[in-house]
Every structure is written in structure tokens, then in C-alpha cells.
C-alpha atoms as a PDB file:
ATOM      1  CA  MET A   1     107.313 110.539  80.132  1.00  0.00           C
ATOM      2  CA  ARG A   2     106.386 112.356  82.550  1.00  0.00           C
ATOM      3  CA  ASP A   3     105.556 110.453  86.316  1.00  0.00           C
ATOM      4  CA  ILE A   4     101.013 111.039  86.731  1.00  0.00           C
ATOM      5  CA  GLY A   5     101.110 111.406  90.812  1.00  0.00           C
ATOM      6  CA  ILE A   6      99.489 107.466  90.685  1.00  0.00           C
ATOM      7  CA  ASP A   7     100.879 104.110  90.049  1.00  0.00           C
ATOM      8  CA  VAL A   8      99.644 102.919  86.839  1.00  0.00           C
ATOM      9  CA  GLY A   9     101.053 100.826  83.831  1.00  0.00           C
ATOM     10  CA  GLU A  10     103.339 102.958  80.854  1.00  0.00           C
ATOM     11  CA  PRO A  11     100.865 103.435  77.755  1.00  0.00           C
ATOM     12  CA  THR A  12     102.257 101.374  75.028  1.00  0.00           C
ATOM     13  CA  GLY A  13     101.202 103.409  72.094  1.00  0.00           C
ATOM     14  CA  LYS A  14     102.629 106.248  70.186  1.00  0.00           C
ATOM     15  CA  TRP A  15     102.152 110.080  71.188  1.00  0.00           C
ATOM     16  CA  ASP A  16     101.050 112.198  68.186  1.00  0.00           C
ATOM     17  CA  GLY A  17     101.819 115.745  70.457  1.00  0.00           C
ATOM     18  CA  ASP A  18      97.981 115.884  71.717  1.00  0.00           C
ATOM     19  CA  GLU A  19      98.979 118.449  74.607  1.00  0.00           C
ATOM     20  CA  ASN A  20      95.835 117.047  76.365  1.00  0.00           C
ATOM     21  CA  CYS A  21      97.679 113.807  77.413  1.00  0.00           C
ATOM     22  CA  PRO A  22      98.804 112.847  81.111  1.00  0.00           C
ATOM     23  CA  PHE A  23     101.668 111.250  80.308  1.00  0.00           C
ATOM     24  CA  TYR A  24     103.180 113.897  77.336  1.00  0.00           C
ATOM     25  CA  GLY A  25     100.835 116.608  77.431  1.00  0.00           C
ATOM     26  CA  ASN A  26     100.564 119.149  80.151  1.00  0.00           C
ATOM     27  CA  LEU A  27      96.935 117.658  81.342  1.00  0.00           C
ATOM     28  CA  ARG A  28      97.161 117.910  85.188  1.00  0.00           C
ATOM     29  CA  VAL A  29      95.200 114.813  86.766  1.00  0.00           C
ATOM     30  CA  ARG A  30      93.530 114.623  90.052  1.00  0.00           C
ATOM     31  CA  GLY A  31      90.402 113.312  92.463  1.00  0.00           C
ATOM     32  CA  GLN A  32      88.481 109.951  91.670  1.00  0.00           C
ATOM     33  CA  ILE A  33      90.019 107.532  90.141  1.00  0.00           C
ATOM     34  CA  ILE A  34      87.089 105.029  88.436  1.00  0.00           C
ATOM     35  CA  GLU A  35      86.978 101.659  86.941  1.00  0.00           C
ATOM     36  CA  GLY A  36      84.734 100.848  84.727  1.00  0.00           C
ATOM     37  CA  LYS A  37      83.546  98.972  81.108  1.00  0.00           C
ATOM     38  CA  VAL A  38      84.084 100.998  77.541  1.00  0.00           C
ATOM     39  CA  SER A  39      80.691 101.092  76.590  1.00  0.00           C
ATOM     40  CA  ARG A  40      80.775 103.158  73.123  1.00  0.00           C
ATOM     41  CA  VAL A  41      83.931 104.431  71.067  1.00  0.00           C
ATOM     42  CA  GLY A  42      82.997 106.458  68.312  1.00  0.00           C
ATOM     43  CA  MET A  43      84.025 110.195  69.162  1.00  0.00           C
ATOM     44  CA  LEU A  44      87.276 112.210  67.992  1.00  0.00           C
ATOM     45  CA  GLN A  45      89.625 111.135  70.770  1.00  0.00           C
ATOM     46  CA  THR A  46      86.471 110.559  73.651  1.00  0.00           C
ATOM     47  CA  ILE A  47      84.713 107.424  74.525  1.00  0.00           C
ATOM     48  CA  VAL A  48      82.024 106.583  76.853  1.00  0.00           C
ATOM     49  CA  VAL A  49      82.606 105.151  80.536  1.00  0.00           C
ATOM     50  CA  GLN A  50      79.724 103.054  82.159  1.00  0.00           C
ATOM     51  CA  ARG A  51      79.977 102.010  86.028  1.00  0.00           C
ATOM     52  CA  GLN A  52      77.578  99.825  87.558  1.00  0.00           C
ATOM     53  CA  HIS A  53      76.924  99.886  91.062  1.00  0.00           C
ATOM     54  CA  THR A  54      74.186  99.142  93.769  1.00  0.00           C
ATOM     55  CA  ARG A  55      72.678 100.702  96.249  1.00  0.00           C
ATOM     56  CA  HIS A  56      70.030  99.668  99.460  1.00  0.00           C
ATOM     57  CA  MET A  57      66.840 101.191  99.389  1.00  0.00           C
ATOM     58  CA  LYS A  58      65.737 101.000 103.194  1.00  0.00           C
ATOM     59  CA  LYS A  59      62.300 101.581 102.948  1.00  0.00           C
ATOM     60  CA  PHE A  60      61.594  98.521 100.520  1.00  0.00           C
ATOM     61  CA  GLU A  61      64.633  96.591 101.494  1.00  0.00           C
ATOM     62  CA  ARG A  62      65.821  95.678  98.358  1.00  0.00           C
ATOM     63  CA  ILE A  63      69.248  96.187  96.486  1.00  0.00           C
ATOM     64  CA  GLU A  64      68.776  98.049  93.340  1.00  0.00           C
ATOM     65  CA  LYS A  65      71.594  98.470  90.996  1.00  0.00           C
ATOM     66  CA  ARG A  66      72.156 101.688  88.915  1.00  0.00           C
ATOM     67  CA  THR A  67      74.871 103.064  85.680  1.00  0.00           C
ATOM     68  CA  ARG A  68      76.395 105.978  85.895  1.00  0.00           C
ATOM     69  CA  ARG A  69      78.196 106.752  82.298  1.00  0.00           C
ATOM     70  CA  TYR A  70      80.838 109.254  82.029  1.00  0.00           C
ATOM     71  CA  SER A  71      82.848 110.821  79.178  1.00  0.00           C
ATOM     72  CA  ALA A  72      86.416 110.706  79.046  1.00  0.00           C
ATOM     73  CA  HIS A  73      88.975 111.510  77.074  1.00  0.00           C
ATOM     74  CA  LEU A  74      91.493 108.945  75.082  1.00  0.00           C
ATOM     75  CA  PRO A  75      95.522 110.051  74.991  1.00  0.00           C
ATOM     76  CA  SER A  76      97.135 108.379  71.948  1.00  0.00           C
ATOM     77  CA  CYS A  77      99.668 107.659  73.946  1.00  0.00           C
ATOM     78  CA  ILE A  78      96.992 104.578  75.638  1.00  0.00           C
ATOM     79  CA  GLY A  79      96.633 103.292  72.092  1.00  0.00           C
ATOM     80  CA  ASP A  80      93.159 101.619  70.657  1.00  0.00           C
ATOM     81  CA  VAL A  81      89.997 100.470  72.978  1.00  0.00           C
ATOM     82  CA  ALA A  82      87.581  98.515  71.917  1.00  0.00           C
ATOM     83  CA  VAL A  83      83.812  98.395  73.386  1.00  0.00           C
ATOM     84  CA  GLY A  84      84.187  95.399  76.425  1.00  0.00           C
ATOM     85  CA  ASP A  85      87.185  96.955  77.645  1.00  0.00           C
ATOM     86  CA  THR A  86      87.746  98.117  81.182  1.00  0.00           C
ATOM     87  CA  VAL A  87      89.480 101.047  81.441  1.00  0.00           C
ATOM     88  CA  ARG A  88      90.939 103.502  84.229  1.00  0.00           C
ATOM     89  CA  ILE A  89      89.646 107.198  84.093  1.00  0.00           C
ATOM     90  CA  MET A  90      90.906 110.035  86.872  1.00  0.00           C
ATOM     91  CA  GLU A  91      89.527 112.974  86.811  1.00  0.00           C
ATOM     92  CA  CYS A  92      90.971 116.227  85.424  1.00  0.00           C
ATOM     93  CA  ARG A  93      90.046 119.583  84.032  1.00  0.00           C
ATOM     94  CA  PRO A  94      86.771 120.485  81.966  1.00  0.00           C
ATOM     95  CA  LEU A  95      88.016 119.182  78.616  1.00  0.00           C
ATOM     96  CA  SER A  96      84.516 119.846  77.121  1.00  0.00           C
ATOM     97  CA  LYS A  97      80.903 120.660  77.734  1.00  0.00           C
ATOM     98  CA  THR A  98      80.421 116.806  79.524  1.00  0.00           C
ATOM     99  CA  VAL A  99      83.980 115.571  79.066  1.00  0.00           C
ATOM    100  CA  THR A 100      86.106 116.040  82.936  1.00  0.00           C
ATOM    101  CA  PHE A 101      87.921 112.692  82.803  1.00  0.00           C
ATOM    102  CA  CYS A 102      90.577 111.433  81.147  1.00  0.00           C
ATOM    103  CA  VAL A 103      92.118 107.014  80.406  1.00  0.00           C
ATOM    104  CA  ILE A 104      94.763 106.671  82.491  1.00  0.00           C
ATOM    105  CA  GLU A 105      95.292 102.878  82.420  1.00  0.00           C
ATOM    106  CA  LYS A 106      93.969 100.235  80.045  1.00  0.00           C
ATOM    107  CA  GLY A 107      93.070  96.911  81.126  1.00  0.00           C
ATOM    108  CA  ALA A 108      91.462  93.404  79.895  1.00  0.00           C
ATOM    109  CA  SER A 109      88.588  92.858  77.748  1.00  0.00           C
ATOM    110  CA  GLU A 110      86.125  90.457  78.149  1.00  0.00           C
END
């Protein structure tokens, strides 16, 4: 296993030879680290992670909720994730048209 440069737990699944794996393959991760909930699983090695944040509207003196969705690559060594699980994703080079993040850690489900 390779050190990716940040403090995360060791992956529990088996590696299937995927080159786009930050732990066993050649994928370099850098940039932002985002934590969110898995909102969709169904694509091949890709999941959709959703994150909610609040924004203060100065004009109306209110707070609004905003949602952002990220497509992220799911390496085989991370294991199975289900809708509702909490994951941490980190920025990487573009892997496809929409995928520029990779899952680095799986948290607990709610």
C-alpha cells in the first residue's frame, strides 16, 4: 500500500488491478477534501456524493440551504458503499467528463 499524504484509515477491500486507485494504483490525489453522503450508487466504479451547506443572504437577513453533488471514483479497495453512507472524497486529475474526485475513506452509515 502507498502513502497518499493524508491521515486516513487503511482500505479493507481487495484491489482488483484498477490503475485509478490512490492506495495501490497510480492516481495522485491533491486539493480539497470533502465529506458528504452517498446519494446514488449504480454506475461502474462511480458514485454521487451530496453535501449540504448553508449560506447567509445579507439582503433578506435569512439563511438558505444549498446542495452540491459531486461524481467520485470508487476504487475497489474501499469496499461496498450504500446510499446514505458518509464518505470522504479528495480532488484528483479528471478521470472522465464529470469525475474529478476519488473516494479516500468510508465512514459510518446513518
